[in-house]
Amino acid sequence: MTKSELLTNAIANMTNEQKAEIFPPITRKNFVVRKSWLGRNQVITFTNNKGQTITYNHDEALKVMLPKLSILPCWAKRGYWSQSTNAPKNVLSSDAIMSVESTEE
């Protein structure tokens, strides 16, 4: 078994509380999903081009996006997908979104 497989198995056997301790919420400048982050239950916050701060659950967002991602060359080659302007519409209307707050006054 490879180191990557061992790590994936160890993460899969953790509770969400344990995962939150190891993978605390992060803030990024863009919306992103990565193959290597699947299973972490990672919470990510970013600000879109409309000035909204969006917090999402990475695993839930990836589940929504996977049917489309699986046919994209960039996903097959690099294992991640990102967008700086906003989250995809199908993710915005899903349970992956934990909160949306307007930062403009």
N, C-alpha and C. Protein backbone atom coordinates (compact mmCIF):
# COMPACT_ATOMS: atom_id res chain seq x y z
N MET A 1 0.85 -1.17 0.00
CA MET A 1 0.00 0.00 0.00
C MET A 1 0.90 1.25 0.00
N THR A 2 0.55 2.24 -0.81
CA THR A 2 1.35 3.46 -0.90
C THR A 2 1.09 4.36 0.31
N LYS A 3 1.96 5.34 0.51
CA LYS A 3 1.77 6.31 1.60
C LYS A 3 0.46 7.07 1.41
N SER A 4 0.16 7.41 0.17
CA SER A 4 -1.08 8.14 -0.13
C SER A 4 -2.31 7.31 0.24
N GLU A 5 -2.28 6.03 -0.09
CA GLU A 5 -3.40 5.15 0.26
C GLU A 5 -3.53 4.98 1.77
N LEU A 6 -2.40 4.87 2.46
CA LEU A 6 -2.43 4.76 3.92
C LEU A 6 -3.04 6.01 4.55
N LEU A 7 -2.65 7.18 4.04
CA LEU A 7 -3.19 8.45 4.55
C LEU A 7 -4.68 8.55 4.26
N THR A 8 -5.09 8.20 3.07
CA THR A 8 -6.51 8.23 2.70
C THR A 8 -7.32 7.33 3.61
N ASN A 9 -6.83 6.13 3.89
CA ASN A 9 -7.53 5.20 4.79
C ASN A 9 -7.62 5.74 6.21
N ALA A 10 -6.53 6.34 6.69
CA ALA A 10 -6.52 6.91 8.04
C ALA A 10 -7.54 8.04 8.16
N ILE A 11 -7.60 8.91 7.17
CA ILE A 11 -8.56 10.02 7.17
C ILE A 11 -9.98 9.50 7.11
N ALA A 12 -10.21 8.48 6.32
CA ALA A 12 -11.56 7.91 6.17
C ALA A 12 -12.09 7.35 7.49
N ASN A 13 -11.20 6.92 8.37
CA ASN A 13 -11.61 6.34 9.64
C ASN A 13 -11.76 7.36 10.76
N MET A 14 -11.52 8.63 10.47
CA MET A 14 -11.63 9.68 11.49
C MET A 14 -13.05 10.22 11.57
N THR A 15 -13.40 10.74 12.74
CA THR A 15 -14.68 11.43 12.87
C THR A 15 -14.54 12.84 12.28
N ASN A 16 -15.67 13.50 12.01
CA ASN A 16 -15.60 14.86 11.49
C ASN A 16 -14.93 15.81 12.48
N GLU A 17 -15.10 15.55 13.77
CA GLU A 17 -14.45 16.38 14.78
C GLU A 17 -12.93 16.22 14.72
N GLN A 18 -12.46 14.99 14.53
CA GLN A 18 -11.02 14.76 14.40
C GLN A 18 -10.48 15.42 13.13
N LYS A 19 -11.24 15.32 12.04
CA LYS A 19 -10.82 15.95 10.79
C LYS A 19 -10.72 17.46 10.96
N ALA A 20 -11.67 18.07 11.69
CA ALA A 20 -11.67 19.52 11.90
C ALA A 20 -10.44 19.97 12.67
N GLU A 21 -9.93 19.12 13.55
CA GLU A 21 -8.71 19.46 14.30
C GLU A 21 -7.48 19.42 13.40
N ILE A 22 -7.43 18.46 12.52
CA ILE A 22 -6.28 18.30 11.63
C ILE A 22 -6.37 19.23 10.42
N PHE A 23 -7.59 19.43 9.91
CA PHE A 23 -7.81 20.28 8.74
C PHE A 23 -8.75 21.43 9.11
N PRO A 24 -8.23 22.43 9.84
CA PRO A 24 -9.11 23.53 10.28
C PRO A 24 -9.63 24.32 9.07
N PRO A 25 -10.70 25.09 9.28
CA PRO A 25 -11.22 25.91 8.17
C PRO A 25 -10.12 26.80 7.58
N ILE A 26 -10.17 26.98 6.26
CA ILE A 26 -9.18 27.82 5.59
C ILE A 26 -9.87 28.92 4.78
N THR A 27 -9.14 30.00 4.55
CA THR A 27 -9.62 31.09 3.72
C THR A 27 -8.73 31.16 2.49
N ARG A 28 -9.38 31.24 1.33
CA ARG A 28 -8.66 31.29 0.06
C ARG A 28 -9.16 32.48 -0.75
N LYS A 29 -8.46 32.78 -1.82
CA LYS A 29 -8.86 33.88 -2.70
C LYS A 29 -9.75 33.39 -3.83
N ASN A 30 -9.99 32.09 -3.89
CA ASN A 30 -10.80 31.52 -4.96
C ASN A 30 -11.55 30.27 -4.49
N PHE A 31 -12.54 29.89 -5.28
CA PHE A 31 -13.26 28.64 -5.06
C PHE A 31 -12.37 27.53 -5.61
N VAL A 32 -12.21 26.45 -4.86
CA VAL A 32 -11.35 25.36 -5.34
C VAL A 32 -11.88 24.01 -4.84
N VAL A 33 -11.72 22.99 -5.68
CA VAL A 33 -11.93 21.60 -5.27
C VAL A 33 -10.71 20.81 -5.75
N ARG A 34 -10.28 19.85 -4.92
CA ARG A 34 -9.10 19.04 -5.23
C ARG A 34 -9.39 17.57 -4.92
N LYS A 35 -8.93 16.70 -5.80
CA LYS A 35 -9.05 15.26 -5.55
C LYS A 35 -8.40 14.89 -4.23
N SER A 36 -7.23 15.44 -3.98
CA SER A 36 -6.45 15.06 -2.80
C SER A 36 -7.09 15.53 -1.49
N TRP A 37 -8.06 16.45 -1.56
CA TRP A 37 -8.73 16.93 -0.34
C TRP A 37 -10.02 16.17 -0.05
N LEU A 38 -10.46 15.31 -0.94
CA LEU A 38 -11.70 14.56 -0.73
C LEU A 38 -11.59 13.71 0.53
N GLY A 39 -12.60 13.81 1.37
CA GLY A 39 -12.62 13.04 2.61
C GLY A 39 -12.18 13.82 3.83
N ARG A 40 -11.63 15.01 3.63
CA ARG A 40 -11.14 15.82 4.75
C ARG A 40 -12.27 16.56 5.48
N ASN A 41 -13.41 16.70 4.82
CA ASN A 41 -14.52 17.49 5.36
C ASN A 41 -14.06 18.94 5.56
N GLN A 42 -13.18 19.40 4.67
CA GLN A 42 -12.58 20.73 4.75
C GLN A 42 -13.62 21.83 4.55
N VAL A 43 -13.60 22.84 5.41
CA VAL A 43 -14.46 24.01 5.27
C VAL A 43 -13.59 25.14 4.71
N ILE A 44 -14.06 25.74 3.60
CA ILE A 44 -13.29 26.77 2.90
C ILE A 44 -14.14 28.02 2.76
N THR A 45 -13.51 29.17 2.96
CA THR A 45 -14.17 30.46 2.80
C THR A 45 -13.41 31.28 1.77
N PHE A 46 -14.14 31.93 0.86
CA PHE A 46 -13.52 32.83 -0.11
C PHE A 46 -14.49 33.96 -0.40
N THR A 47 -13.98 35.05 -0.96
CA THR A 47 -14.81 36.19 -1.34
C THR A 47 -14.90 36.24 -2.85
N ASN A 48 -16.13 36.24 -3.38
CA ASN A 48 -16.32 36.26 -4.83
C ASN A 48 -16.21 37.68 -5.38
N ASN A 49 -16.37 37.82 -6.69
CA ASN A 49 -16.21 39.13 -7.32
C ASN A 49 -17.39 40.07 -7.05
N LYS A 50 -18.44 39.59 -6.40
CA LYS A 50 -19.58 40.42 -6.02
C LYS A 50 -19.44 40.93 -4.59
N GLY A 51 -18.34 40.60 -3.95
CA GLY A 51 -18.10 41.02 -2.59
C GLY A 51 -18.79 40.15 -1.55
N GLN A 52 -19.24 38.97 -1.94
CA GLN A 52 -19.87 38.04 -1.00
C GLN A 52 -18.82 37.08 -0.45
N THR A 53 -18.85 36.87 0.85
CA THR A 53 -17.98 35.89 1.47
C THR A 53 -18.76 34.58 1.55
N ILE A 54 -18.25 33.57 0.88
CA ILE A 54 -18.94 32.28 0.76
C ILE A 54 -18.13 31.22 1.50
N THR A 55 -18.82 30.49 2.37
CA THR A 55 -18.21 29.37 3.09
C THR A 55 -18.85 28.09 2.59
N TYR A 56 -18.03 27.12 2.24
CA TYR A 56 -18.56 25.86 1.71
C TYR A 56 -17.81 24.66 2.25
N ASN A 57 -18.49 23.52 2.20
CA ASN A 57 -17.89 22.25 2.57
C ASN A 57 -17.30 21.65 1.29
N HIS A 58 -16.00 21.48 1.28
CA HIS A 58 -15.29 20.99 0.09
C HIS A 58 -15.84 19.66 -0.41
N ASP A 59 -16.05 18.70 0.49
CA ASP A 59 -16.50 17.37 0.06
C ASP A 59 -17.87 17.43 -0.59
N GLU A 60 -18.77 18.22 -0.01
CA GLU A 60 -20.12 18.33 -0.58
C GLU A 60 -20.08 19.04 -1.93
N ALA A 61 -19.25 20.07 -2.05
CA ALA A 61 -19.11 20.78 -3.34
C ALA A 61 -18.55 19.84 -4.40
N LEU A 62 -17.56 19.05 -4.02
CA LEU A 62 -16.95 18.11 -4.98
C LEU A 62 -17.96 17.06 -5.43
N LYS A 63 -18.80 16.58 -4.52
CA LYS A 63 -19.83 15.60 -4.90
C LYS A 63 -20.76 16.18 -5.96
N VAL A 64 -21.13 17.45 -5.81
CA VAL A 64 -22.03 18.10 -6.77
C VAL A 64 -21.33 18.27 -8.12
N MET A 65 -20.05 18.60 -8.09
CA MET A 65 -19.31 18.91 -9.31
C MET A 65 -18.71 17.71 -10.02
N LEU A 66 -18.54 16.59 -9.34
CA LEU A 66 -17.80 15.45 -9.88
C LEU A 66 -18.30 14.92 -11.23
N PRO A 67 -19.61 14.83 -11.47
CA PRO A 67 -20.02 14.34 -12.79
C PRO A 67 -19.44 15.16 -13.95
N LYS A 68 -19.41 16.48 -13.79
CA LYS A 68 -18.85 17.33 -14.85
C LYS A 68 -17.32 17.31 -14.82
N LEU A 69 -16.75 17.36 -13.63
CA LEU A 69 -15.29 17.39 -13.52
C LEU A 69 -14.64 16.15 -14.11
N SER A 70 -15.28 15.01 -13.94
CA SER A 70 -14.67 13.75 -14.37
C SER A 70 -14.40 13.69 -15.87
N ILE A 71 -15.04 14.56 -16.64
CA ILE A 71 -14.80 14.56 -18.09
C ILE A 71 -13.88 15.70 -18.54
N LEU A 72 -13.43 16.54 -17.60
CA LEU A 72 -12.55 17.66 -17.95
C LEU A 72 -11.08 17.25 -17.95
N PRO A 73 -10.34 17.62 -19.01
CA PRO A 73 -8.92 17.28 -19.07
C PRO A 73 -8.12 17.84 -17.89
N CYS A 74 -8.45 19.06 -17.43
CA CYS A 74 -7.69 19.65 -16.32
C CYS A 74 -7.84 18.82 -15.05
N TRP A 75 -9.00 18.23 -14.84
CA TRP A 75 -9.24 17.41 -13.65
C TRP A 75 -8.40 16.13 -13.73
N ALA A 76 -8.41 15.52 -14.91
CA ALA A 76 -7.64 14.28 -15.10
C ALA A 76 -6.14 14.55 -14.96
N LYS A 77 -5.68 15.68 -15.47
CA LYS A 77 -4.25 15.98 -15.46
C LYS A 77 -3.76 16.50 -14.11
N ARG A 78 -4.49 17.46 -13.52
CA ARG A 78 -3.99 18.13 -12.32
C ARG A 78 -4.72 17.73 -11.03
N GLY A 79 -5.95 17.23 -11.15
CA GLY A 79 -6.68 16.80 -9.96
C GLY A 79 -7.26 17.94 -9.14
N TYR A 80 -7.38 19.12 -9.74
CA TYR A 80 -8.05 20.22 -9.05
C TYR A 80 -8.73 21.13 -10.05
N TRP A 81 -9.67 21.91 -9.54
CA TRP A 81 -10.39 22.87 -10.36
C TRP A 81 -10.63 24.10 -9.49
N SER A 82 -10.40 25.28 -10.06
CA SER A 82 -10.63 26.49 -9.28
C SER A 82 -11.22 27.58 -10.17
N GLN A 83 -11.82 28.54 -9.51
CA GLN A 83 -12.42 29.68 -10.20
C GLN A 83 -12.35 30.87 -9.25
N SER A 84 -11.90 32.00 -9.74
CA SER A 84 -11.71 33.16 -8.87
C SER A 84 -12.95 34.05 -8.77
N THR A 85 -13.87 33.96 -9.72
CA THR A 85 -15.00 34.89 -9.75
C THR A 85 -16.15 34.50 -8.81
N ASN A 86 -16.47 33.23 -8.71
CA ASN A 86 -17.60 32.78 -7.89
C ASN A 86 -17.58 31.25 -7.81
N ALA A 87 -18.46 30.71 -6.97
CA ALA A 87 -18.66 29.26 -6.95
C ALA A 87 -19.58 28.90 -8.11
N PRO A 88 -19.48 27.70 -8.64
CA PRO A 88 -20.38 27.28 -9.71
C PRO A 88 -21.85 27.34 -9.26
N LYS A 89 -22.74 27.63 -10.20
CA LYS A 89 -24.17 27.78 -9.88
C LYS A 89 -24.75 26.53 -9.22
N ASN A 90 -24.35 25.35 -9.72
CA ASN A 90 -24.91 24.12 -9.13
C ASN A 90 -24.43 23.92 -7.69
N VAL A 91 -23.27 24.45 -7.35
CA VAL A 91 -22.78 24.38 -5.97
C VAL A 91 -23.50 25.41 -5.11
N LEU A 92 -23.69 26.62 -5.67
CA LEU A 92 -24.36 27.69 -4.92
C LEU A 92 -25.77 27.31 -4.50
N SER A 93 -26.41 26.46 -5.29
CA SER A 93 -27.79 26.05 -4.97
C SER A 93 -27.84 24.70 -4.26
N SER A 94 -26.71 24.27 -3.71
CA SER A 94 -26.66 22.95 -3.06
C SER A 94 -26.41 23.09 -1.56
N ASP A 95 -26.44 21.94 -0.89
CA ASP A 95 -26.17 21.89 0.55
C ASP A 95 -24.69 22.09 0.88
N ALA A 96 -23.84 22.20 -0.14
CA ALA A 96 -22.42 22.42 0.10
C ALA A 96 -22.15 23.81 0.69
N ILE A 97 -23.03 24.76 0.38
CA ILE A 97 -22.86 26.13 0.85
C ILE A 97 -23.31 26.23 2.30
N MET A 98 -22.40 26.66 3.15
CA MET A 98 -22.70 26.79 4.58
C MET A 98 -23.17 28.19 4.93
N SER A 99 -22.63 29.20 4.23
CA SER A 99 -23.08 30.57 4.44
C SER A 99 -22.64 31.47 3.30
N VAL A 100 -23.42 32.53 3.07
CA VAL A 100 -23.10 33.57 2.10
C VAL A 100 -23.37 34.89 2.80
N GLU A 101 -22.32 35.70 2.92
CA GLU A 101 -22.47 36.98 3.59
C GLU A 101 -21.97 38.08 2.67
N SER A 102 -22.72 39.17 2.59
CA SER A 102 -22.31 40.32 1.79
C SER A 102 -21.30 41.12 2.57
N THR A 103 -20.16 41.43 1.94
CA THR A 103 -19.13 42.21 2.61
C THR A 103 -19.17 43.67 2.18
N GLU A 104 -19.98 43.99 1.17
CA GLU A 104 -20.10 45.38 0.70
C GLU A 104 -21.13 46.11 1.54
N GLU A 105 -20.88 47.38 1.76
CA GLU A 105 -21.83 48.16 2.58
C GLU A 105 -22.52 49.18 1.74
